[in-house]
């Protein structure tokens, strides 16, 4: 059969494999023969549970760091403003401008923090609900204990 290079030809498997999953050249193919095993992947929203948990946790950590930085910058501005004997809580336009400097960033940080926590919580709940579903590893423990002598062949 001639190969056109289009990727539509299927090569014949001419190597023989023994019962241990090794071919003639000694390559291990034990993990590739899953003909008798069905792997069930999560369906629906459950497949997004782990990425949602990770993304939510990352968003929450970044927002907490942002809010801490904003707190320190806000405190620094209030300290610098009060050095001249003024109070940042005064009703002046300058004091109001200093108080409102990071208001939008603070509000955005709080909104994204709540969103991240909710996303992480939703991912955790989905993972908890599907914790007993059959996963990728279908190997079952048959209850046999194997000691060192059995493994070493002695």
N, C-alpha and C. Protein backbone atom coordinates (compact mmCIF):
# COMPACT_ATOMS: atom_id res chain seq x y z
N UNK A 1 0.86 -1.17 0.00
CA UNK A 1 0.00 0.00 0.00
C UNK A 1 0.90 1.23 0.00
N UNK A 2 0.58 2.18 -0.81
CA UNK A 2 1.38 3.39 -0.94
C UNK A 2 0.85 4.46 0.00
N UNK A 3 1.78 5.15 0.69
CA UNK A 3 1.40 6.20 1.63
C UNK A 3 1.40 7.54 0.91
N UNK A 4 0.26 8.22 0.88
CA UNK A 4 0.15 9.49 0.19
C UNK A 4 0.61 10.65 1.05
N UNK A 5 0.87 10.41 2.32
CA UNK A 5 1.31 11.47 3.22
C UNK A 5 0.16 12.27 3.79
N UNK A 6 -1.06 11.90 3.47
CA UNK A 6 -2.23 12.64 3.93
C UNK A 6 -2.69 12.17 5.31
N UNK A 7 -2.09 11.12 5.81
CA UNK A 7 -2.46 10.65 7.14
C UNK A 7 -3.68 9.77 7.14
N UNK A 8 -4.12 9.33 5.93
CA UNK A 8 -5.32 8.52 5.89
C UNK A 8 -5.01 7.03 5.82
N UNK A 9 -3.74 6.66 5.76
CA UNK A 9 -3.40 5.25 5.72
C UNK A 9 -3.22 4.74 7.14
N UNK A 10 -3.59 3.49 7.32
CA UNK A 10 -3.49 2.86 8.63
C UNK A 10 -2.42 1.80 8.54
N UNK A 11 -1.33 1.94 9.33
CA UNK A 11 -0.28 0.92 9.27
C UNK A 11 -0.75 -0.35 9.94
N UNK A 12 -0.25 -1.47 9.40
CA UNK A 12 -0.60 -2.74 10.00
C UNK A 12 0.31 -2.98 11.19
N UNK A 13 -0.22 -3.56 12.22
CA UNK A 13 0.56 -3.87 13.41
C UNK A 13 1.18 -5.24 13.20
N UNK A 14 2.48 -5.25 12.87
CA UNK A 14 3.15 -6.51 12.57
C UNK A 14 3.92 -7.04 13.76
N UNK A 15 3.94 -6.31 14.86
CA UNK A 15 4.66 -6.79 16.03
C UNK A 15 3.78 -7.70 16.85
N UNK A 16 4.40 -8.69 17.45
CA UNK A 16 3.68 -9.59 18.32
C UNK A 16 3.88 -9.14 19.75
N UNK A 17 2.86 -9.28 20.56
CA UNK A 17 2.95 -8.90 21.96
C UNK A 17 2.76 -10.14 22.83
N UNK A 18 3.57 -10.24 23.87
CA UNK A 18 3.42 -11.37 24.78
C UNK A 18 2.38 -11.05 25.84
N UNK A 19 2.21 -11.94 26.78
CA UNK A 19 1.16 -11.75 27.78
C UNK A 19 1.48 -10.63 28.75
N UNK A 20 2.74 -10.20 28.86
CA UNK A 20 3.11 -9.11 29.76
C UNK A 20 2.91 -7.75 29.12
N UNK A 21 2.54 -7.74 27.82
CA UNK A 21 2.31 -6.46 27.15
C UNK A 21 3.54 -5.92 26.45
N UNK A 22 4.54 -6.78 26.22
CA UNK A 22 5.76 -6.35 25.54
C UNK A 22 5.74 -6.86 24.12
N UNK A 23 6.24 -6.06 23.16
CA UNK A 23 6.32 -6.51 21.78
C UNK A 23 7.67 -7.17 21.54
N UNK A 24 7.95 -7.51 20.27
CA UNK A 24 9.20 -8.19 19.94
C UNK A 24 10.43 -7.38 20.32
N UNK A 25 10.36 -6.07 20.24
CA UNK A 25 11.51 -5.21 20.54
C UNK A 25 11.65 -4.93 22.03
N UNK A 26 10.73 -5.40 22.85
CA UNK A 26 10.81 -5.18 24.29
C UNK A 26 10.10 -3.93 24.75
N UNK A 27 9.39 -3.25 23.85
CA UNK A 27 8.66 -2.05 24.23
C UNK A 27 7.42 -2.43 25.02
N UNK A 28 7.10 -1.65 26.02
CA UNK A 28 5.98 -1.94 26.91
C UNK A 28 4.72 -1.28 26.36
N UNK A 29 3.71 -2.09 26.08
CA UNK A 29 2.44 -1.58 25.60
C UNK A 29 1.31 -1.96 26.54
N UNK A 30 1.63 -2.25 27.78
CA UNK A 30 0.60 -2.72 28.71
C UNK A 30 -0.45 -1.67 28.98
N UNK A 31 -0.08 -0.40 29.00
CA UNK A 31 -1.04 0.65 29.30
C UNK A 31 -1.92 1.01 28.13
N UNK A 32 -1.59 0.54 26.93
CA UNK A 32 -2.35 0.93 25.75
C UNK A 32 -3.45 -0.04 25.39
N UNK A 33 -3.45 -1.23 25.98
CA UNK A 33 -4.48 -2.21 25.64
C UNK A 33 -5.61 -2.12 26.65
N UNK A 34 -6.61 -1.36 26.33
CA UNK A 34 -7.76 -1.20 27.21
C UNK A 34 -9.02 -1.75 26.56
N UNK A 35 -8.87 -2.80 25.79
CA UNK A 35 -10.02 -3.31 25.06
C UNK A 35 -11.11 -3.82 26.00
N UNK A 36 -10.71 -4.42 27.11
CA UNK A 36 -11.70 -4.98 28.01
C UNK A 36 -12.17 -4.03 29.09
N UNK A 37 -11.55 -2.87 29.17
CA UNK A 37 -11.89 -1.93 30.24
C UNK A 37 -12.55 -0.69 29.66
N UNK A 38 -13.67 -0.32 30.23
CA UNK A 38 -14.36 0.90 29.83
C UNK A 38 -14.01 2.00 30.81
N UNK A 39 -13.55 3.11 30.31
CA UNK A 39 -13.24 4.26 31.17
C UNK A 39 -14.36 5.26 31.05
N UNK A 40 -14.90 5.61 32.20
CA UNK A 40 -16.03 6.54 32.22
C UNK A 40 -15.53 7.92 32.62
N UNK A 41 -15.73 8.89 31.76
CA UNK A 41 -15.33 10.25 32.10
C UNK A 41 -16.52 10.99 32.68
N UNK A 42 -16.26 11.99 33.52
CA UNK A 42 -17.37 12.75 34.11
C UNK A 42 -18.22 13.42 33.03
N UNK A 43 -19.50 13.47 33.27
CA UNK A 43 -20.44 14.05 32.31
C UNK A 43 -20.96 15.38 32.83
N UNK A 44 -21.36 16.25 31.93
CA UNK A 44 -21.98 17.52 32.30
C UNK A 44 -21.01 18.47 32.97
N UNK A 45 -21.49 19.12 34.01
CA UNK A 45 -20.67 20.11 34.71
C UNK A 45 -19.57 19.47 35.55
N UNK A 46 -19.66 18.18 35.82
CA UNK A 46 -18.67 17.52 36.67
C UNK A 46 -17.29 17.54 36.04
N UNK A 47 -17.19 17.60 34.72
CA UNK A 47 -15.87 17.63 34.09
C UNK A 47 -15.17 18.97 34.31
N UNK A 48 -15.92 19.99 34.67
CA UNK A 48 -15.32 21.31 34.91
C UNK A 48 -15.12 21.59 36.39
N UNK A 49 -15.36 20.62 37.25
CA UNK A 49 -15.29 20.84 38.69
C UNK A 49 -13.87 21.15 39.14
N UNK A 50 -12.90 20.35 38.74
CA UNK A 50 -11.52 20.58 39.17
C UNK A 50 -10.96 21.88 38.61
N UNK A 51 -11.13 22.19 37.30
CA UNK A 51 -10.65 23.49 36.82
C UNK A 51 -11.35 24.67 37.49
N UNK A 52 -12.64 24.51 37.81
CA UNK A 52 -13.36 25.59 38.49
C UNK A 52 -12.82 25.80 39.90
N UNK A 53 -12.52 24.70 40.58
CA UNK A 53 -11.96 24.80 41.93
C UNK A 53 -10.61 25.48 41.90
N UNK A 54 -9.77 25.10 40.96
CA UNK A 54 -8.43 25.70 40.85
C UNK A 54 -8.54 27.16 40.46
N UNK A 55 -9.35 27.48 39.45
CA UNK A 55 -9.50 28.87 39.01
C UNK A 55 -10.09 29.74 40.11
N UNK A 56 -11.09 29.23 40.80
CA UNK A 56 -11.70 29.99 41.88
C UNK A 56 -10.72 30.27 43.00
N UNK A 57 -9.90 29.27 43.34
CA UNK A 57 -8.90 29.47 44.39
C UNK A 57 -7.85 30.49 43.97
N UNK A 58 -7.42 30.43 42.73
CA UNK A 58 -6.42 31.39 42.23
C UNK A 58 -7.00 32.80 42.21
N UNK A 59 -8.22 32.94 41.74
CA UNK A 59 -8.87 34.25 41.71
C UNK A 59 -9.01 34.81 43.12
N UNK A 60 -9.41 33.95 44.06
CA UNK A 60 -9.58 34.41 45.44
C UNK A 60 -8.25 34.85 46.05
N UNK A 61 -7.19 34.10 45.81
CA UNK A 61 -5.88 34.46 46.36
C UNK A 61 -5.38 35.76 45.76
N UNK A 62 -5.54 35.92 44.46
CA UNK A 62 -5.10 37.16 43.81
C UNK A 62 -5.90 38.35 44.32
N UNK A 63 -7.20 38.18 44.49
CA UNK A 63 -8.04 39.28 44.99
C UNK A 63 -7.69 39.63 46.44
N UNK A 64 -7.39 38.63 47.24
CA UNK A 64 -6.98 38.93 48.62
C UNK A 64 -5.67 39.71 48.62
N UNK A 65 -4.74 39.30 47.78
CA UNK A 65 -3.48 40.04 47.68
C UNK A 65 -3.72 41.47 47.20
N UNK A 66 -4.60 41.65 46.22
CA UNK A 66 -4.94 42.98 45.72
C UNK A 66 -5.56 43.83 46.82
N UNK A 67 -6.47 43.26 47.58
CA UNK A 67 -7.12 44.03 48.64
C UNK A 67 -6.14 44.39 49.75
N UNK A 68 -5.20 43.52 50.05
CA UNK A 68 -4.17 43.84 51.05
C UNK A 68 -3.30 44.98 50.56
N UNK A 69 -2.90 44.94 49.30
CA UNK A 69 -2.09 46.02 48.72
C UNK A 69 -2.86 47.33 48.74
N UNK A 70 -4.13 47.29 48.37
CA UNK A 70 -4.95 48.50 48.39
C UNK A 70 -5.07 49.05 49.80
N UNK A 71 -5.23 48.15 50.78
CA UNK A 71 -5.30 48.60 52.17
C UNK A 71 -4.03 49.34 52.58
N UNK A 72 -2.87 48.77 52.23
CA UNK A 72 -1.61 49.42 52.59
C UNK A 72 -1.42 50.74 51.85
N UNK A 73 -1.79 50.80 50.57
CA UNK A 73 -1.67 52.06 49.83
C UNK A 73 -2.61 53.12 50.38
N UNK A 74 -3.81 52.70 50.73
CA UNK A 74 -4.79 53.62 51.30
C UNK A 74 -4.30 54.15 52.65
N UNK A 75 -3.75 53.26 53.46
CA UNK A 75 -3.20 53.68 54.75
C UNK A 75 -2.02 54.62 54.57
N UNK A 76 -1.18 54.34 53.58
CA UNK A 76 -0.04 55.20 53.32
C UNK A 76 -0.51 56.60 52.90
N UNK A 77 -1.49 56.66 52.00
CA UNK A 77 -2.00 57.97 51.56
C UNK A 77 -2.62 58.74 52.73
N UNK A 78 -3.36 58.05 53.59
CA UNK A 78 -3.97 58.72 54.74
C UNK A 78 -2.89 59.21 55.70
N UNK A 79 -1.82 58.43 55.86
CA UNK A 79 -0.73 58.84 56.75
C UNK A 79 -0.01 60.07 56.20
N UNK A 80 0.27 60.05 54.91
CA UNK A 80 0.95 61.18 54.29
C UNK A 80 0.08 62.43 54.36
N UNK A 81 -1.21 62.27 54.15
CA UNK A 81 -2.13 63.41 54.19
C UNK A 81 -2.23 63.97 55.60
N UNK A 82 -2.18 63.10 56.61
CA UNK A 82 -2.36 63.57 57.97
C UNK A 82 -1.08 64.14 58.58
N UNK A 83 0.04 64.05 57.88
CA UNK A 83 1.30 64.61 58.41
C UNK A 83 1.18 66.11 58.58
N UNK A 84 0.46 66.77 57.71
CA UNK A 84 0.30 68.21 57.78
C UNK A 84 -0.73 68.65 58.81
N UNK A 85 -1.22 67.76 59.64
CA UNK A 85 -2.20 68.10 60.66
C UNK A 85 -3.62 67.99 60.17
N UNK A 86 -3.83 67.47 58.97
CA UNK A 86 -5.18 67.31 58.42
C UNK A 86 -5.68 65.90 58.74
N UNK A 87 -6.98 65.72 58.69
CA UNK A 87 -7.58 64.42 58.93
C UNK A 87 -8.20 63.92 57.63
N UNK A 88 -7.98 62.66 57.30
CA UNK A 88 -8.52 62.11 56.06
C UNK A 88 -10.04 61.96 56.14
N UNK A 89 -10.60 62.01 57.33
CA UNK A 89 -12.05 61.90 57.49
C UNK A 89 -12.75 63.25 57.41
N UNK A 90 -12.00 64.32 57.13
CA UNK A 90 -12.61 65.65 57.00
C UNK A 90 -13.58 65.68 55.83
N UNK A 91 -14.44 66.67 55.82
CA UNK A 91 -15.45 66.81 54.76
C UNK A 91 -14.93 67.61 53.58
N UNK A 92 -13.64 67.78 53.46
CA UNK A 92 -13.09 68.57 52.35
C UNK A 92 -13.02 67.72 51.09
N UNK A 93 -12.93 68.40 49.95
CA UNK A 93 -12.84 67.69 48.67
C UNK A 93 -11.54 66.91 48.56
N UNK A 94 -10.47 67.47 49.09
CA UNK A 94 -9.18 66.79 49.03
C UNK A 94 -9.21 65.48 49.84
N UNK A 95 -9.79 65.52 51.04
CA UNK A 95 -9.89 64.31 51.86
C UNK A 95 -10.80 63.28 51.20
N UNK A 96 -11.89 63.74 50.59
CA UNK A 96 -12.80 62.82 49.90
C UNK A 96 -12.10 62.18 48.70
N UNK A 97 -11.29 62.94 47.98
CA UNK A 97 -10.56 62.41 46.83
C UNK A 97 -9.56 61.33 47.27
N UNK A 98 -8.92 61.57 48.42
CA UNK A 98 -7.98 60.57 48.93
C UNK A 98 -8.72 59.30 49.36
N UNK A 99 -9.86 59.46 50.00
CA UNK A 99 -10.63 58.29 50.42
C UNK A 99 -11.14 57.50 49.23
N UNK A 100 -11.48 58.18 48.14
CA UNK A 100 -12.05 57.52 46.97
C UNK A 100 -11.02 57.11 45.93
N UNK A 101 -9.73 57.26 46.24
CA UNK A 101 -8.69 56.95 45.26
C UNK A 101 -8.77 55.50 44.80
N UNK A 102 -8.91 54.58 45.71
CA UNK A 102 -8.90 53.16 45.38
C UNK A 102 -10.29 52.53 45.52
N UNK A 103 -11.33 53.33 45.50
CA UNK A 103 -12.68 52.80 45.70
C UNK A 103 -13.08 51.82 44.60
N UNK A 104 -12.79 52.15 43.34
CA UNK A 104 -13.16 51.26 42.24
C UNK A 104 -12.36 49.96 42.29
N UNK A 105 -11.07 50.05 42.58
CA UNK A 105 -10.25 48.84 42.67
C UNK A 105 -10.68 47.98 43.86
N UNK A 106 -11.03 48.63 44.96
CA UNK A 106 -11.50 47.90 46.14
C UNK A 106 -12.81 47.19 45.83
N UNK A 107 -13.74 47.88 45.19
CA UNK A 107 -15.02 47.28 44.84
C UNK A 107 -14.83 46.12 43.86
N UNK A 108 -13.99 46.33 42.85
CA UNK A 108 -13.71 45.25 41.89
C UNK A 108 -13.05 44.07 42.55
N UNK A 109 -12.12 44.33 43.47
CA UNK A 109 -11.46 43.25 44.19
C UNK A 109 -12.43 42.45 45.03
N UNK A 110 -13.36 43.14 45.68
CA UNK A 110 -14.35 42.44 46.50
C UNK A 110 -15.29 41.61 45.62
N UNK A 111 -15.72 42.19 44.49
CA UNK A 111 -16.62 41.45 43.59
C UNK A 111 -15.93 40.21 43.05
N UNK A 112 -14.68 40.35 42.59
CA UNK A 112 -13.96 39.18 42.06
C UNK A 112 -13.63 38.19 43.16
N UNK A 113 -13.39 38.66 44.38
CA UNK A 113 -13.16 37.76 45.50
C UNK A 113 -14.39 36.90 45.76
N UNK A 114 -15.54 37.52 45.80
CA UNK A 114 -16.79 36.77 46.02
C UNK A 114 -17.02 35.80 44.87
N UNK A 115 -16.77 36.25 43.63
CA UNK A 115 -16.93 35.38 42.47
C UNK A 115 -15.98 34.19 42.54
N UNK A 116 -14.73 34.43 42.90
CA UNK A 116 -13.75 33.35 43.01
C UNK A 116 -14.11 32.36 44.09
N UNK A 117 -14.57 32.86 45.23
CA UNK A 117 -14.97 31.96 46.32
C UNK A 117 -16.18 31.13 45.91
N UNK A 118 -17.15 31.74 45.25
CA UNK A 118 -18.32 31.00 44.78
C UNK A 118 -17.94 29.95 43.73
N UNK A 119 -17.03 30.31 42.84
CA UNK A 119 -16.57 29.37 41.81
C UNK A 119 -15.84 28.20 42.45
N UNK A 120 -14.97 28.48 43.41
CA UNK A 120 -14.26 27.41 44.10
C UNK A 120 -15.23 26.54 44.90
N UNK A 121 -16.20 27.15 45.53
CA UNK A 121 -17.18 26.38 46.30
C UNK A 121 -18.02 25.49 45.38
N UNK A 122 -18.41 26.01 44.24
CA UNK A 122 -19.18 25.20 43.29
C UNK A 122 -18.35 24.03 42.78
N UNK A 123 -17.09 24.27 42.47
CA UNK A 123 -16.22 23.18 42.04
C UNK A 123 -16.04 22.14 43.13
N UNK A 124 -15.88 22.60 44.37
CA UNK A 124 -15.71 21.66 45.48
C UNK A 124 -16.97 20.84 45.70
N UNK A 125 -18.13 21.46 45.60
CA UNK A 125 -19.39 20.74 45.77
C UNK A 125 -19.55 19.69 44.67
N UNK A 126 -19.24 20.06 43.42
CA UNK A 126 -19.35 19.09 42.32
C UNK A 126 -18.37 17.93 42.50
N UNK A 127 -17.15 18.24 42.93
CA UNK A 127 -16.19 17.17 43.16
C UNK A 127 -16.65 16.28 44.31
N UNK A 128 -17.23 16.86 45.35
CA UNK A 128 -17.72 16.08 46.47
C UNK A 128 -18.87 15.18 46.05
N UNK A 129 -19.75 15.71 45.23
CA UNK A 129 -20.91 14.91 44.79
C UNK A 129 -20.49 13.74 43.91
N UNK A 130 -19.42 13.91 43.15
CA UNK A 130 -18.99 12.87 42.20
C UNK A 130 -17.76 12.12 42.71
N UNK A 131 -17.51 12.14 44.00
CA UNK A 131 -16.32 11.51 44.55
C UNK A 131 -16.36 9.99 44.44
N UNK A 132 -17.52 9.40 44.41
CA UNK A 132 -17.64 7.94 44.35
C UNK A 132 -17.85 7.42 42.94
N UNK A 133 -17.88 8.31 41.97
CA UNK A 133 -18.02 7.86 40.59
C UNK A 133 -16.76 7.11 40.19
N UNK A 134 -16.93 6.19 39.28
CA UNK A 134 -15.78 5.43 38.81
C UNK A 134 -14.87 6.36 38.03
N UNK A 135 -13.64 6.42 38.42
CA UNK A 135 -12.69 7.32 37.79
C UNK A 135 -11.92 6.63 36.69
N UNK A 136 -10.79 7.22 36.34
CA UNK A 136 -9.96 6.68 35.27
C UNK A 136 -9.28 5.39 35.68
N UNK A 137 -8.91 5.27 36.93
CA UNK A 137 -8.21 4.09 37.39
C UNK A 137 -9.22 3.00 37.69
N UNK A 138 -9.28 2.00 36.82
CA UNK A 138 -10.25 0.92 37.01
C UNK A 138 -9.62 -0.29 37.64
N UNK A 139 -8.35 -0.21 38.04
CA UNK A 139 -7.71 -1.33 38.72
C UNK A 139 -8.35 -1.48 40.09
N UNK A 140 -8.76 -2.70 40.38
CA UNK A 140 -9.37 -2.96 41.66
C UNK A 140 -8.43 -3.80 42.50
N UNK A 141 -8.43 -3.57 43.78
CA UNK A 141 -7.62 -4.34 44.70
C UNK A 141 -8.31 -5.68 44.92
N UNK A 142 -7.58 -6.75 44.63
CA UNK A 142 -8.17 -8.07 44.81
C UNK A 142 -7.94 -8.62 46.20
N UNK A 143 -7.31 -7.84 47.07
CA UNK A 143 -7.14 -8.23 48.45
C UNK A 143 -5.90 -9.05 48.73
N UNK A 144 -5.07 -9.33 47.72
CA UNK A 144 -3.88 -10.12 47.95
C UNK A 144 -2.76 -9.23 48.46
N UNK A 145 -2.11 -9.70 49.53
CA UNK A 145 -0.95 -8.98 50.04
C UNK A 145 0.30 -9.58 49.42
N UNK A 146 1.17 -8.70 48.94
CA UNK A 146 2.40 -9.14 48.31
C UNK A 146 3.55 -8.62 49.15
N UNK A 147 4.42 -9.53 49.58
CA UNK A 147 5.57 -9.09 50.38
C UNK A 147 6.82 -9.01 49.50
N UNK A 148 7.94 -8.67 50.11
CA UNK A 148 9.17 -8.46 49.35
C UNK A 148 9.65 -9.74 48.66
N UNK A 149 9.52 -10.89 49.32
CA UNK A 149 9.99 -12.14 48.72
C UNK A 149 9.22 -12.45 47.44
N UNK A 150 7.94 -12.15 47.42
CA UNK A 150 7.15 -12.38 46.21
C UNK A 150 7.60 -11.47 45.08
N UNK A 151 7.90 -10.22 45.42
CA UNK A 151 8.34 -9.28 44.40
C UNK A 151 9.75 -9.57 43.91
N UNK A 152 10.63 -10.02 44.80
CA UNK A 152 12.00 -10.29 44.44
C UNK A 152 12.16 -11.65 43.78
N UNK A 153 11.16 -12.47 43.83
CA UNK A 153 11.21 -13.78 43.20
C UNK A 153 11.93 -14.81 44.03
N UNK A 154 12.02 -14.62 45.32
CA UNK A 154 12.73 -15.58 46.18
C UNK A 154 11.78 -16.49 46.86
